[in-house]
N, C-alpha and C. Protein backbone atom coordinates (compact mmCIF):
# COMPACT_ATOMS: atom_id res chain seq x y z
N MET A 1 7.43 18.38 -7.27
CA MET A 1 6.78 17.28 -6.93
C MET A 1 7.54 16.14 -7.27
N PRO A 2 7.52 15.40 -6.10
CA PRO A 2 8.12 13.93 -6.00
C PRO A 2 8.00 12.97 -7.32
N GLU A 3 8.66 12.44 -7.67
CA GLU A 3 8.69 11.21 -8.70
C GLU A 3 7.76 10.26 -8.15
N ALA A 4 7.12 9.75 -9.03
CA ALA A 4 5.91 8.48 -8.59
C ALA A 4 6.85 7.35 -8.53
N THR A 5 6.37 6.63 -7.26
CA THR A 5 6.93 5.36 -7.09
C THR A 5 6.15 4.09 -7.75
N VAL A 6 6.85 2.84 -7.46
CA VAL A 6 6.11 1.87 -7.89
C VAL A 6 4.73 1.63 -7.09
N TRP A 7 4.72 1.92 -5.93
CA TRP A 7 3.60 1.98 -5.11
C TRP A 7 2.30 3.06 -5.44
N ASP A 8 2.91 4.14 -5.95
CA ASP A 8 1.97 4.85 -6.66
C ASP A 8 1.26 4.36 -7.75
N ASP A 9 2.09 3.60 -8.56
CA ASP A 9 1.34 2.82 -9.98
C ASP A 9 0.35 1.90 -9.35
N VAL A 10 1.00 1.23 -8.56
CA VAL A 10 0.13 0.05 -7.90
C VAL A 10 -1.31 0.51 -7.43
N LEU A 11 -1.28 1.59 -6.60
CA LEU A 11 -2.38 2.38 -5.87
C LEU A 11 -3.34 3.06 -7.11
N ALA A 12 -2.69 3.45 -8.10
CA ALA A 12 -3.37 4.00 -9.33
C ALA A 12 -4.53 2.83 -9.85
N ASP A 13 -3.73 1.77 -10.09
CA ASP A 13 -4.58 0.62 -10.48
C ASP A 13 -5.59 -0.04 -9.62
N ILE A 14 -5.22 -0.13 -8.23
CA ILE A 14 -6.06 -0.55 -7.41
C ILE A 14 -7.21 0.31 -7.02
N ARG A 15 -7.06 1.66 -7.40
CA ARG A 15 -8.26 2.88 -7.31
C ARG A 15 -9.40 2.50 -8.08
N THR A 16 -8.98 1.65 -9.29
CA THR A 16 -10.05 1.74 -10.33
C THR A 16 -10.83 0.43 -9.95
N ARG A 17 -10.25 -0.33 -9.08
CA ARG A 17 -10.91 -1.69 -8.72
C ARG A 17 -11.91 -1.78 -7.54
N LEU A 18 -11.55 -0.79 -6.54
CA LEU A 18 -12.28 -0.58 -5.43
C LEU A 18 -13.12 0.43 -5.33
N ASP A 19 -14.11 0.31 -4.25
CA ASP A 19 -15.15 1.25 -3.99
C ASP A 19 -14.11 2.66 -3.47
N PRO A 20 -14.44 3.86 -3.80
CA PRO A 20 -13.65 4.88 -3.11
C PRO A 20 -13.59 4.91 -1.70
N GLU A 21 -14.27 4.48 -0.98
CA GLU A 21 -14.24 4.25 0.49
C GLU A 21 -13.57 3.50 1.04
N ASP A 22 -13.58 2.21 0.24
CA ASP A 22 -12.77 1.03 0.60
C ASP A 22 -11.29 1.53 0.27
N PHE A 23 -11.14 1.93 -0.67
CA PHE A 23 -9.68 2.33 -0.99
C PHE A 23 -9.20 3.30 0.16
N ARG A 24 -9.91 4.35 0.26
CA ARG A 24 -9.36 5.34 1.44
C ARG A 24 -9.12 4.53 2.63
N ARG A 25 -9.95 3.80 2.92
CA ARG A 25 -9.94 3.01 4.29
C ARG A 25 -8.76 2.21 4.55
N TRP A 26 -8.54 1.46 3.50
CA TRP A 26 -7.34 0.26 3.56
C TRP A 26 -6.10 0.88 2.77
N PHE A 27 -5.88 1.77 2.08
CA PHE A 27 -4.82 2.21 1.53
C PHE A 27 -4.37 3.79 1.79
N ALA A 28 -4.99 4.73 2.38
CA ALA A 28 -4.61 6.07 2.74
C ALA A 28 -3.64 5.89 3.64
N ALA A 29 -3.59 5.00 4.82
CA ALA A 29 -2.45 5.04 5.48
C ALA A 29 -1.48 3.99 5.20
N THR A 30 -0.96 4.11 3.85
CA THR A 30 0.13 3.23 3.37
C THR A 30 1.16 4.23 2.80
N ALA A 31 2.36 3.94 2.88
CA ALA A 31 3.55 4.95 2.27
C ALA A 31 4.65 3.97 1.70
N TYR A 32 5.13 4.18 0.61
CA TYR A 32 6.37 3.45 0.06
C TYR A 32 7.62 3.60 0.75
N ALA A 33 8.29 2.43 1.09
CA ALA A 33 9.46 2.34 1.73
C ALA A 33 10.64 2.08 0.87
N SER A 34 10.38 0.94 0.01
CA SER A 34 11.54 0.58 -0.88
C SER A 34 11.25 -0.53 -1.76
N ASP A 35 12.25 -0.51 -2.90
CA ASP A 35 11.79 -1.56 -3.90
C ASP A 35 13.19 -2.29 -4.26
N SER A 36 13.31 -3.61 -3.85
CA SER A 36 14.53 -4.41 -4.13
C SER A 36 14.45 -4.99 -5.47
N GLY A 37 13.29 -4.77 -6.37
CA GLY A 37 13.38 -5.60 -7.44
C GLY A 37 12.30 -6.67 -7.41
N ASP A 38 12.51 -7.73 -6.58
CA ASP A 38 11.36 -8.72 -6.51
C ASP A 38 10.67 -8.62 -5.19
N GLN A 39 10.83 -7.50 -4.35
CA GLN A 39 10.23 -7.18 -3.31
C GLN A 39 9.91 -5.69 -2.91
N ILE A 40 8.73 -5.23 -2.69
CA ILE A 40 8.52 -4.05 -2.44
C ILE A 40 8.03 -3.66 -1.07
N THR A 41 8.60 -2.77 -0.43
CA THR A 41 8.27 -2.59 1.08
C THR A 41 7.48 -1.56 1.19
N VAL A 42 6.24 -1.77 2.05
CA VAL A 42 5.22 -0.52 2.22
C VAL A 42 4.94 -0.53 3.59
N TRP A 43 5.12 0.79 4.02
CA TRP A 43 4.50 1.13 5.42
C TRP A 43 3.14 1.05 5.67
N VAL A 44 2.71 0.64 6.69
CA VAL A 44 1.15 0.85 6.95
C VAL A 44 0.98 1.18 8.19
N GLY A 45 -0.23 1.86 8.52
CA GLY A 45 -0.27 2.38 9.77
C GLY A 45 -0.75 1.70 11.02
N SER A 46 -1.23 0.33 10.70
CA SER A 46 -1.46 -0.43 11.95
C SER A 46 -1.57 -1.76 11.60
N GLU A 47 -1.39 -2.71 12.59
CA GLU A 47 -1.42 -4.12 12.55
C GLU A 47 -2.80 -4.62 11.60
N ALA A 48 -3.97 -4.01 12.10
CA ALA A 48 -5.37 -4.41 11.61
C ALA A 48 -4.99 -4.20 10.07
N ILE A 49 -4.69 -2.96 9.46
CA ILE A 49 -4.44 -2.61 8.22
C ILE A 49 -3.80 -3.53 7.54
N ARG A 50 -2.64 -3.88 8.10
CA ARG A 50 -1.60 -4.98 7.43
C ARG A 50 -2.33 -6.30 7.25
N ARG A 51 -2.94 -6.51 8.34
CA ARG A 51 -3.70 -7.88 8.26
C ARG A 51 -4.93 -7.94 7.08
N HIS A 52 -5.67 -6.91 7.30
CA HIS A 52 -6.68 -6.78 5.95
C HIS A 52 -6.08 -6.82 4.57
N LEU A 53 -4.93 -6.06 4.19
CA LEU A 53 -4.33 -6.01 2.88
C LEU A 53 -4.04 -7.46 2.74
N VAL A 54 -3.42 -8.17 3.64
CA VAL A 54 -2.86 -9.37 3.46
C VAL A 54 -4.01 -10.37 3.08
N ASN A 55 -5.06 -10.39 4.02
CA ASN A 55 -5.96 -11.44 3.92
C ASN A 55 -7.04 -11.18 3.10
N HIS A 56 -7.15 -10.09 2.64
CA HIS A 56 -8.58 -9.62 1.98
C HIS A 56 -8.21 -8.93 0.43
N LEU A 57 -7.06 -8.43 0.37
CA LEU A 57 -6.99 -7.46 -0.73
C LEU A 57 -5.79 -8.02 -1.57
N ARG A 58 -5.10 -9.15 -1.12
CA ARG A 58 -3.97 -9.72 -1.88
C ARG A 58 -4.06 -10.00 -3.55
N ASP A 59 -5.32 -10.30 -3.71
CA ASP A 59 -5.82 -10.73 -5.26
C ASP A 59 -5.70 -9.34 -6.04
N ASP A 60 -6.34 -8.16 -5.44
CA ASP A 60 -6.13 -6.88 -6.05
C ASP A 60 -4.91 -6.54 -6.21
N ILE A 61 -4.08 -6.37 -5.11
CA ILE A 61 -2.86 -5.84 -5.14
C ILE A 61 -1.74 -6.88 -6.35
N ASP A 62 -2.04 -8.28 -6.36
CA ASP A 62 -1.28 -9.14 -7.26
C ASP A 62 -1.88 -8.61 -8.76
N ALA A 63 -3.10 -8.39 -8.91
CA ALA A 63 -3.52 -8.09 -10.39
C ALA A 63 -3.01 -6.66 -10.59
N ALA A 64 -2.91 -5.62 -9.66
CA ALA A 64 -2.25 -4.31 -9.94
C ALA A 64 -0.68 -4.60 -10.08
N LEU A 65 -0.15 -5.29 -9.55
CA LEU A 65 1.42 -5.70 -9.86
C LEU A 65 1.40 -6.29 -11.33
N GLU A 66 0.64 -7.13 -11.64
CA GLU A 66 0.74 -7.76 -12.99
C GLU A 66 0.22 -6.41 -13.92
N ALA A 67 -0.79 -5.77 -13.77
CA ALA A 67 -1.20 -4.85 -14.83
C ALA A 67 0.00 -3.74 -15.03
N ILE A 68 0.79 -3.42 -13.88
CA ILE A 68 1.97 -2.26 -14.10
C ILE A 68 3.12 -3.23 -14.72
N GLY A 69 3.14 -4.45 -14.82
CA GLY A 69 4.62 -5.21 -15.52
C GLY A 69 5.25 -5.58 -14.35
N ARG A 70 4.83 -5.90 -12.97
CA ARG A 70 5.71 -6.66 -12.06
C ARG A 70 4.97 -7.54 -11.28
N PRO A 71 4.64 -8.98 -12.39
CA PRO A 71 4.02 -9.96 -11.79
C PRO A 71 4.97 -10.43 -10.86
N GLY A 72 4.69 -11.38 -9.82
CA GLY A 72 5.52 -12.01 -9.24
C GLY A 72 6.49 -11.34 -7.97
N THR A 73 6.14 -10.05 -8.04
CA THR A 73 6.69 -9.19 -7.13
C THR A 73 5.93 -9.36 -5.81
N PHE A 74 6.71 -9.35 -4.68
CA PHE A 74 6.12 -9.68 -3.47
C PHE A 74 6.05 -8.34 -2.81
N ILE A 75 4.90 -7.68 -2.03
CA ILE A 75 4.58 -6.56 -1.20
C ILE A 75 4.78 -6.89 0.12
N ARG A 76 5.72 -6.43 0.70
CA ARG A 76 6.05 -6.83 2.38
C ARG A 76 5.44 -5.45 3.14
N PHE A 77 4.51 -5.70 3.71
CA PHE A 77 3.62 -4.52 4.60
C PHE A 77 4.30 -4.46 6.22
N VAL A 78 4.89 -3.39 6.50
CA VAL A 78 5.35 -3.03 7.67
C VAL A 78 4.83 -2.25 8.52
N VAL A 79 4.47 -2.44 9.63
CA VAL A 79 3.47 -1.39 10.44
C VAL A 79 4.70 -0.50 10.87
N ALA A 80 4.34 0.83 10.58
CA ALA A 80 5.05 1.86 11.17
C ALA A 80 4.35 2.72 11.97
N GLY A 81 4.74 3.35 13.14
CA GLY A 81 4.23 4.03 13.88
C GLY A 81 4.18 5.88 13.49
N PHE A 82 3.65 5.81 12.15
CA PHE A 82 3.46 7.33 11.81
C PHE A 82 2.08 7.50 11.84
N ASP A 83 1.75 8.26 13.09
CA ASP A 83 0.36 8.83 13.33
C ASP A 83 0.47 10.26 13.76
N ASP A 84 -0.41 10.81 12.88
CA ASP A 84 -0.30 12.38 12.82
C ASP A 84 -0.64 12.86 14.32
N ASP A 85 -1.54 12.10 15.12
CA ASP A 85 -2.38 12.39 16.36
C ASP A 85 -0.94 12.71 17.30
N GLU A 86 -0.08 12.01 17.14
CA GLU A 86 1.13 12.04 18.29
C GLU A 86 1.60 13.66 18.26
N ASP A 87 1.66 14.26 17.13
CA ASP A 87 2.27 15.43 16.89
C ASP A 87 1.29 16.66 17.63
N ASP A 88 0.04 16.31 17.96
CA ASP A 88 -1.05 17.36 18.36
C ASP A 88 -1.03 17.57 19.96
N GLU A 89 -0.20 16.72 20.64
CA GLU A 89 0.03 17.04 21.91
C GLU A 89 0.48 18.15 22.69
N PRO A 90 -0.14 18.55 23.51
CA PRO A 90 0.35 20.13 24.13
C PRO A 90 1.53 20.13 24.57
């Protein structure tokens, strides 16, 4: 089993703050990319998800960072083209 990342810790905290359906909708298509100390990079599935996380869930994300001992850390969301549907083509 892979070792938990800082993003896993953030998600565990956010899961306690959001309705399960909202959590699934906005965080299921995210994946940890890197942690440089003051910035965590997270892949997201679409620009719409990136915008929603930045514009509507930033306070919850910042509260989760504080809760896990990383206050002031910036999370950079990067749209990545990881779409499972692409693999289903004949």
